[in-house]
Protein backbone atom coordinates (compact mmCIF):
# COMPACT_ATOMS: atom_id res chain seq x y z
CA MET A 1 -139.64 146.35 -84.05
CA GLN A 2 -141.25 149.43 -83.32
CA LEU A 3 -139.04 152.20 -81.37
CA VAL A 4 -140.97 155.25 -81.43
CA LYS A 5 -144.33 156.71 -82.33
CA THR A 6 -144.80 160.39 -81.54
CA HIS A 7 -145.45 163.76 -83.02
CA ARG A 8 -143.01 165.08 -85.31
CA ASP A 9 -141.62 168.11 -83.22
CA THR A 10 -141.49 165.89 -80.09
CA LEU A 11 -138.90 163.84 -81.97
CA LEU A 12 -137.22 166.77 -83.32
CA ARG A 13 -136.26 168.28 -80.35
CA PRO A 14 -133.74 165.90 -78.64
CA LEU A 15 -132.40 164.94 -82.21
CA GLN A 16 -131.45 168.76 -82.56
CA ILE A 17 -129.99 168.94 -79.07
CA VAL A 18 -127.59 165.85 -80.00
CA SER A 19 -126.55 166.67 -83.56
CA GLY A 20 -124.85 169.92 -83.29
CA ILE A 21 -121.53 168.27 -82.42
CA VAL A 22 -121.84 165.45 -85.04
CA GLU A 23 -119.52 166.08 -87.86
CA ARG A 24 -120.29 165.06 -91.80
CA ARG A 25 -116.70 163.63 -92.43
CA HIS A 26 -114.95 161.54 -89.58
CA THR A 27 -112.09 158.88 -89.73
CA LEU A 28 -114.60 156.65 -87.86
CA PRO A 29 -117.96 156.64 -90.19
CA ILE A 30 -120.04 155.61 -87.01
CA LEU A 31 -119.43 159.02 -85.59
CA ALA A 32 -121.72 160.35 -88.08
CA ASN A 33 -124.59 158.44 -86.46
CA ILE A 34 -126.49 158.95 -83.14
CA LEU A 35 -127.06 156.04 -80.83
CA ILE A 36 -130.62 155.56 -79.80
CA ARG A 37 -131.77 153.33 -77.01
CA LYS A 38 -135.17 152.57 -76.13
CA THR A 39 -135.99 151.15 -72.71
CA GLY A 40 -139.75 150.79 -71.94
CA GLU A 41 -140.96 154.21 -72.83
CA GLN A 42 -137.66 156.05 -72.09
CA VAL A 43 -135.71 156.59 -75.40
CA SER A 44 -132.24 158.17 -74.90
CA PHE A 45 -129.99 160.03 -78.02
CA LEU A 46 -126.39 159.95 -77.76
CA SER A 47 -123.75 161.72 -79.99
CA THR A 48 -120.24 161.79 -79.70
CA ASP A 49 -117.14 163.18 -81.51
CA ILE A 50 -114.59 161.24 -79.21
CA GLU A 51 -113.94 164.80 -77.55
CA VAL A 52 -117.48 165.78 -76.52
CA GLN A 53 -120.24 163.69 -75.78
CA ILE A 54 -124.23 164.79 -75.35
CA THR A 55 -126.97 162.80 -74.32
CA THR A 56 -130.86 163.50 -74.06
CA HIS A 57 -134.03 161.71 -73.01
CA ALA A 58 -137.44 161.60 -74.16
CA GLU A 59 -140.43 159.45 -73.13
CA ILE A 60 -141.47 158.56 -76.38
CA GLY A 61 -140.79 154.87 -76.79
CA SER A 62 -143.48 152.49 -77.89
CA GLY A 63 -143.42 148.75 -78.55
CA GLY A 64 -142.71 146.09 -75.85
CA ASP A 65 -139.02 145.36 -76.97
CA ASP A 66 -135.69 147.27 -75.61
CA ILE A 67 -133.81 148.23 -78.57
CA ALA A 68 -130.56 149.97 -79.32
CA THR A 69 -129.06 151.15 -82.85
CA THR A 70 -127.41 153.95 -84.31
CA VAL A 71 -128.52 155.87 -87.63
CA ALA A 72 -126.93 158.90 -89.67
CA ALA A 73 -127.98 161.82 -87.66
CA ARG A 74 -127.93 164.59 -90.59
CA LYS A 75 -130.15 162.30 -92.69
CA LEU A 76 -132.61 161.71 -89.86
CA LEU A 77 -132.65 165.42 -89.00
CA ASP A 78 -133.53 166.32 -92.53
CA ILE A 79 -136.04 164.15 -92.97
CA LEU A 80 -137.75 165.28 -89.79
CA ARG A 81 -137.48 168.86 -90.78
CA ALA A 82 -139.00 168.24 -94.10
CA LEU A 83 -141.96 166.53 -92.96
CA PRO A 84 -145.40 168.45 -92.30
CA ASP A 85 -145.62 170.05 -88.80
CA ASP A 86 -148.46 168.52 -87.67
CA ASN A 87 -147.90 164.67 -88.55
CA ASP A 88 -146.94 161.84 -86.25
CA VAL A 89 -143.81 159.70 -87.08
CA VAL A 90 -143.05 156.02 -86.29
CA LEU A 91 -139.71 154.99 -86.26
CA LYS A 92 -139.12 150.92 -86.85
CA LEU A 93 -136.37 148.68 -86.86
CA GLU A 94 -136.18 145.97 -89.24
CA ASN A 95 -133.46 143.79 -90.86
CA LYS A 96 -130.69 146.33 -89.86
CA ARG A 97 -132.54 149.18 -91.27
CA MET A 98 -134.60 152.11 -89.63
CA SER A 99 -138.05 152.87 -91.30
CA ILE A 100 -139.36 156.38 -90.97
CA GLN A 101 -143.23 156.75 -91.50
CA SER A 102 -145.30 159.71 -91.58
CA GLY A 103 -148.54 160.08 -93.27
CA LYS A 104 -148.19 158.87 -96.61
CA SER A 105 -144.23 159.48 -96.47
CA ARG A 106 -141.90 156.43 -96.21
CA PHE A 107 -137.89 156.26 -95.75
CA SER A 108 -135.59 153.71 -95.22
CA LEU A 109 -132.08 154.41 -93.65
CA GLN A 110 -129.26 151.86 -92.91
CA THR A 111 -128.05 151.40 -89.30
CA LEU A 112 -124.80 150.27 -87.73
CA ALA A 113 -124.87 147.93 -84.59
CA ALA A 114 -125.04 150.17 -81.24
CA GLU A 115 -122.25 147.79 -79.70
CA GLU A 116 -119.70 149.20 -82.00
CA PHE A 117 -120.68 152.99 -81.00
CA PRO A 118 -117.74 154.59 -79.00
CA THR A 119 -118.79 156.42 -76.14
CA VAL A 120 -116.50 158.91 -73.60
CA ALA A 121 -115.45 157.18 -70.47
CA GLN A 122 -116.82 159.22 -67.58
CA ALA A 123 -114.57 160.28 -65.00
CA GLU A 124 -114.90 157.92 -61.39
CA HIS A 125 -113.99 161.28 -59.34
CA PHE A 126 -115.08 164.50 -59.78
CA ASN A 127 -112.78 167.10 -57.69
CA ALA A 128 -115.72 170.01 -57.59
CA SER A 129 -119.26 170.44 -58.15
CA VAL A 130 -121.02 173.86 -58.81
CA SER A 131 -124.25 174.61 -59.59
CA LEU A 132 -125.42 177.97 -61.45
CA PRO A 133 -128.35 179.10 -63.01
CA GLN A 134 -128.45 178.27 -66.71
CA LYS A 135 -128.70 182.17 -67.90
CA THR A 136 -125.66 182.98 -65.49
CA LEU A 137 -123.34 180.41 -66.93
CA LYS A 138 -124.70 181.39 -70.72
CA HIS A 139 -123.85 185.30 -69.68
CA LEU A 140 -120.26 184.28 -68.75
CA PHE A 141 -119.84 182.71 -71.92
CA ASN A 142 -121.61 185.12 -74.01
CA MET A 143 -119.09 187.91 -72.64
CA VAL A 144 -116.04 186.31 -73.65
CA HIS A 145 -116.27 183.44 -76.35
CA PHE A 146 -115.39 186.01 -78.97
CA SER A 147 -111.86 186.12 -77.83
CA MET A 148 -111.22 182.65 -78.08
CA ALA A 149 -108.29 181.77 -80.42
CA GLN A 150 -109.19 179.40 -83.50
CA GLN A 151 -106.66 176.82 -84.62
CA ASP A 152 -103.57 178.24 -82.52
CA ILE A 153 -100.65 176.32 -82.27
CA ARG A 154 -100.66 177.56 -78.38
CA TYR A 155 -103.62 174.89 -78.23
CA TYR A 156 -104.54 175.84 -74.50
CA LEU A 157 -105.69 179.30 -76.29
CA ASN A 158 -108.40 177.48 -78.25
CA GLY A 159 -110.84 177.36 -75.44
CA LEU A 160 -112.15 179.30 -72.34
CA LEU A 161 -110.76 179.23 -68.76
CA LEU A 162 -113.25 178.83 -66.22
CA VAL A 163 -112.26 179.60 -62.75
CA VAL A 164 -113.92 178.46 -59.60
CA ASP A 165 -112.88 180.66 -56.51
CA GLY A 166 -114.46 181.08 -53.34
CA LYS A 167 -117.86 182.74 -54.12
CA LYS A 168 -116.63 183.75 -57.64
CA VAL A 169 -116.90 182.00 -61.02
CA MET A 170 -114.68 183.55 -63.63
CA ALA A 171 -114.68 182.98 -67.59
CA VAL A 172 -111.58 184.22 -69.43
CA ALA A 173 -110.57 183.97 -73.29
CA THR A 174 -107.72 185.15 -75.09
CA ASP A 175 -106.15 185.03 -78.71
CA GLY A 176 -102.76 186.56 -77.74
CA HIS A 177 -104.03 190.17 -79.19
CA ARG A 178 -106.91 190.69 -76.75
CA LEU A 179 -108.37 189.21 -73.64
CA ALA A 180 -111.96 189.23 -72.24
CA PHE A 181 -112.69 188.82 -68.74
CA CYS A 182 -116.11 188.25 -66.82
CA GLN A 183 -116.90 186.94 -63.42
CA VAL A 184 -120.14 186.57 -61.26
CA GLU A 185 -120.72 185.82 -57.54
CA VAL A 186 -122.53 182.60 -56.35
CA GLY A 187 -124.25 181.77 -53.19
CA GLN A 188 -121.97 178.96 -52.10
CA GLU A 189 -118.19 179.01 -51.68
CA PHE A 190 -115.96 176.56 -53.56
CA ALA A 191 -112.15 175.58 -53.34
CA ARG A 192 -110.23 176.93 -56.27
CA GLN A 193 -110.45 175.21 -59.48
CA GLU A 194 -109.13 176.20 -63.05
CA VAL A 195 -110.00 174.46 -66.45
CA ILE A 196 -109.63 175.27 -69.83
CA ILE A 197 -112.89 173.90 -71.64
CA PRO A 198 -112.54 173.48 -75.35
CA ARG A 199 -113.96 175.87 -78.26
CA LYS A 200 -115.95 173.53 -79.66
CA THR A 201 -117.75 172.57 -76.14
CA ILE A 202 -118.31 176.33 -75.59
CA LEU A 203 -120.01 176.85 -78.84
CA GLU A 204 -122.06 174.02 -78.12
CA LEU A 205 -123.24 175.07 -74.84
CA GLN A 206 -123.94 178.48 -75.93
CA ARG A 207 -126.41 176.78 -78.18
CA LEU A 208 -128.02 174.49 -75.52
CA LEU A 209 -128.23 176.63 -72.49
CA ASP A 210 -131.18 178.69 -71.91
CA ASP A 211 -132.02 182.24 -70.36
CA SER A 212 -133.62 180.70 -67.41
CA GLU A 213 -133.22 180.42 -63.67
CA ASN A 214 -133.11 176.37 -64.09
CA PRO A 215 -129.76 175.22 -62.48
CA VAL A 216 -126.81 173.59 -64.49
CA GLN A 217 -124.99 171.32 -62.24
CA ILE A 218 -121.05 171.36 -63.49
CA ASP A 219 -118.76 168.74 -62.27
CA ILE A 220 -115.15 169.08 -62.87
CA ALA A 221 -112.63 166.23 -62.84
CA ASN A 222 -108.72 166.13 -63.82
CA ASN A 223 -109.37 165.68 -67.73
CA GLN A 224 -113.29 166.20 -67.88
CA ILE A 225 -116.13 168.31 -67.30
CA LYS A 226 -119.67 167.12 -67.00
CA LEU A 227 -122.68 169.68 -67.40
CA THR A 228 -126.18 168.48 -66.53
CA PHE A 229 -129.15 170.66 -67.13
CA SER A 230 -132.87 170.31 -68.43
CA ASP A 231 -132.87 166.70 -69.42
CA ILE A 232 -129.35 167.25 -71.08
CA GLU A 233 -126.06 165.50 -69.96
CA LEU A 234 -122.85 166.94 -71.88
CA ILE A 235 -119.47 165.60 -71.19
CA SER A 236 -116.24 167.17 -72.40
CA LYS A 237 -112.46 166.28 -72.45
CA LEU A 238 -110.52 169.47 -70.98
CA VAL A 239 -107.67 171.11 -72.82
CA GLU A 240 -104.50 170.33 -71.07
CA GLY A 241 -101.84 173.12 -70.69
CA LYS A 242 -101.30 176.43 -68.30
CA PHE A 243 -103.57 179.39 -69.29
CA PRO A 244 -101.47 182.76 -69.33
CA ASP A 245 -102.13 184.74 -66.07
CA PHE A 246 -104.75 186.88 -66.91
CA ASN A 247 -104.22 189.24 -63.81
CA ARG A 248 -100.81 190.25 -65.17
CA VAL A 249 -102.16 190.98 -68.40
CA VAL A 250 -104.96 193.35 -67.16
CA PRO A 251 -103.48 196.98 -66.86
CA LYS A 252 -103.90 198.90 -63.60
CA GLY A 253 -103.55 202.69 -62.88
CA TYR A 254 -103.96 204.37 -66.28
CA LYS A 255 -104.76 208.27 -66.29
CA ASN A 256 -106.01 208.61 -69.26
CA GLU A 257 -109.51 207.61 -68.94
CA PHE A 258 -113.01 208.62 -70.68
CA THR A 259 -116.69 207.25 -71.21
CA LEU A 260 -118.33 207.37 -74.18
CA ASN A 261 -121.53 206.07 -75.79
CA ARG A 262 -121.41 202.39 -76.97
CA GLU A 263 -123.70 202.55 -79.81
CA GLN A 264 -122.18 206.00 -81.00
CA TRP A 265 -118.49 204.40 -81.14
CA LEU A 266 -119.82 201.13 -82.68
CA ARG A 267 -121.49 203.23 -85.55
CA ALA A 268 -118.33 205.08 -86.15
CA LEU A 269 -116.05 202.17 -86.24
CA GLN A 270 -118.42 200.32 -88.42
CA ARG A 271 -118.28 203.07 -91.08
CA ALA A 272 -114.76 203.48 -90.71
CA ALA A 273 -114.11 199.93 -91.31
CA ILE A 274 -115.50 199.98 -94.82
CA MET A 275 -112.46 201.77 -95.82
CA THR A 276 -110.11 199.08 -94.27
CA SER A 277 -108.61 196.32 -96.44
CA ASP A 278 -109.47 192.63 -95.95
CA LYS A 279 -106.01 191.69 -94.58
CA PHE A 280 -105.14 194.83 -92.51
CA LYS A 281 -108.07 195.76 -90.45
CA GLY A 282 -106.28 198.99 -88.81
CA VAL A 283 -108.07 202.04 -87.54
CA ARG A 284 -106.29 204.94 -85.89
CA CYS A 285 -107.88 206.35 -82.92
CA VAL A 286 -106.56 209.92 -82.11
CA ILE A 287 -107.55 211.28 -78.68
CA THR A 288 -107.08 214.80 -77.90
CA PRO A 289 -109.01 216.45 -75.20
CA GLY A 290 -112.74 216.88 -76.13
CA SER A 291 -112.58 214.62 -79.12
CA MET A 292 -111.77 211.15 -81.01
CA GLN A 293 -111.00 210.86 -84.37
CA ILE A 294 -111.27 207.58 -86.03
CA LEU A 295 -109.23 207.41 -89.09
CA SER A 296 -108.82 204.50 -91.88
CA THR A 297 -106.93 204.15 -95.21
CA ASN A 298 -106.53 201.30 -97.68
CA ALA A 299 -104.24 200.34 -100.27
CA ASP A 300 -106.08 202.65 -102.98
CA GLN A 301 -105.31 205.91 -100.93
CA GLU A 302 -109.02 206.00 -99.93
CA GLU A 303 -109.61 207.35 -96.41
CA ALA A 304 -112.29 207.49 -93.86
CA MET A 305 -112.39 210.30 -90.82
CA GLU A 306 -115.02 210.37 -88.20
CA GLU A 307 -115.19 212.14 -85.11
CA ILE A 308 -116.81 211.90 -81.81
CA GLU A 309 -117.22 214.43 -78.83
CA ILE A 310 -115.64 213.08 -75.53
CA ASP A 311 -115.34 214.64 -71.98
CA TYR A 312 -111.81 214.11 -71.81
CA GLY A 313 -109.00 216.36 -70.60
CA GLY A 314 -106.05 214.01 -70.47
CA ASP A 315 -102.79 213.50 -72.63
CA SER A 316 -103.24 213.39 -76.59
CA VAL A 317 -102.97 209.61 -77.79
CA ASP A 318 -102.73 208.51 -81.25
CA ILE A 319 -103.10 204.79 -81.30
CA GLY A 320 -104.02 202.02 -83.65
CA PHE A 321 -106.07 199.13 -83.34
CA ASN A 322 -107.59 195.95 -85.38
CA VAL A 323 -111.12 197.23 -85.68
CA SER A 324 -112.54 193.46 -85.54
CA TYR A 325 -111.41 193.53 -82.21
CA LEU A 326 -113.33 196.32 -81.22
CA LEU A 327 -116.32 195.86 -83.14
CA ASP A 328 -116.54 192.30 -81.53
CA VAL A 329 -116.65 193.66 -78.11
CA LEU A 330 -119.18 196.47 -78.92
CA ASN A 331 -121.70 193.98 -80.46
CA ASN A 332 -121.42 191.81 -77.48
CA LEU A 333 -122.00 194.55 -75.08
CA LYS A 334 -125.66 195.63 -74.09
CA CYS A 335 -124.69 198.71 -72.05
CA ASP A 336 -125.15 202.23 -72.88
CA GLN A 337 -121.85 203.62 -71.95
CA VAL A 338 -118.32 202.16 -72.20
CA ASN A 339 -115.21 203.40 -70.42
CA ILE A 340 -111.88 203.30 -72.09
CA ALA A 341 -108.54 203.62 -70.50
CA LEU A 342 -105.38 204.24 -72.19
CA GLY A 343 -101.61 204.47 -71.55
CA ASP A 344 -99.77 205.52 -74.63
CA SER A 345 -99.68 204.42 -78.30
CA ASN A 346 -97.89 201.31 -77.38
CA SER A 347 -99.60 200.21 -74.30
CA SER A 348 -102.80 197.98 -74.32
CA ALA A 349 -106.30 199.48 -73.89
CA LEU A 350 -108.76 198.63 -71.31
CA ILE A 351 -112.52 198.83 -72.16
CA THR A 352 -114.87 198.36 -69.24
CA ILE A 353 -118.29 198.74 -68.21
CA PRO A 354 -118.95 202.01 -65.88
CA ASP A 355 -119.53 201.41 -62.28
CA ASN A 356 -118.79 197.37 -63.23
CA VAL A 357 -115.90 195.19 -61.95
CA ASP A 358 -117.34 192.08 -63.22
CA PHE A 359 -116.13 192.76 -67.05
CA LYS A 360 -112.95 193.72 -68.37
CA TYR A 361 -111.44 193.62 -72.26
CA VAL A 362 -107.94 194.32 -73.05
CA VAL A 363 -106.86 194.93 -76.67
CA MET A 364 -103.44 195.12 -77.83
CA PRO A 365 -102.55 198.42 -80.02
CA MET A 366 -101.70 197.80 -83.59
CA ARG A 367 -98.66 199.86 -85.56
CA ILE A 368 -100.43 201.76 -88.35
């Protein structure tokens, strides 16, 4: 029975969309497969890891029968990538095996029954629905994703807090050592909703969202979020738990403030980071009126010192930071200047963009 007959790239695109969440090793072998379902010319591709599910469609069906099967995602993807660009591809299902034909190439893959494939049960009721341009949502995620925790015992930190409140949509991420906050204003008004989206879902959305004005529809339920955009539907479980009150973390009323060139500070920190050890990524920033010194040493008593002239007339502050936390935010920002506000050597620092209240980055000091 013929499933698909189309150009290689036309088939490759939907497979690339859904295969990102497929894990090679799983307790359920069928989860290494994708579900392919043909109804007339419409072919749907679905993958899941039980937590996240991605579905997309393409009008590439051929043959009269309606068919559904599951096949190994990585193998099918690797075969298609290795085929010549300009070739047509035919997928057929015969005797519980999928045959792939293109030019003089032939492959045969085993399949598992579509009925055995576990899919995520969609929530019956969604509490809120929000529509944003894709590039706006991608911008929100890009500005804070690097602060998400990885495999933290405080499981609610292994994700991103998405807050819808009035005309504002906010994204917050923290790993307990630094916190990133970004907000955008939208046209319509919404009742307040707070959800924690898992880390894996955020990384997948960053890959799938594009920089267009095309809308992404966000539907929020008690334990689930559904995002629909282009021809993609992504359903994800939410992380349960209480996210820290980010408003209490952001320092207010600091007197020691100055602005400096982002690129200049980034390059100086990158050079100083060479002299830090792999385990101990600490750098000292010594701020005095008119200058900032960046100092680093390692276990072999090797040293680096960088000096940057700054327009500053406040108190002298000698403060240590994990250099990775500073490099993450500076690499991610696209602005020319950054604003730094400090209390003393034991207080967290606040990094913002001049004349912009929509982004805040708080980083804890480090004892050096």
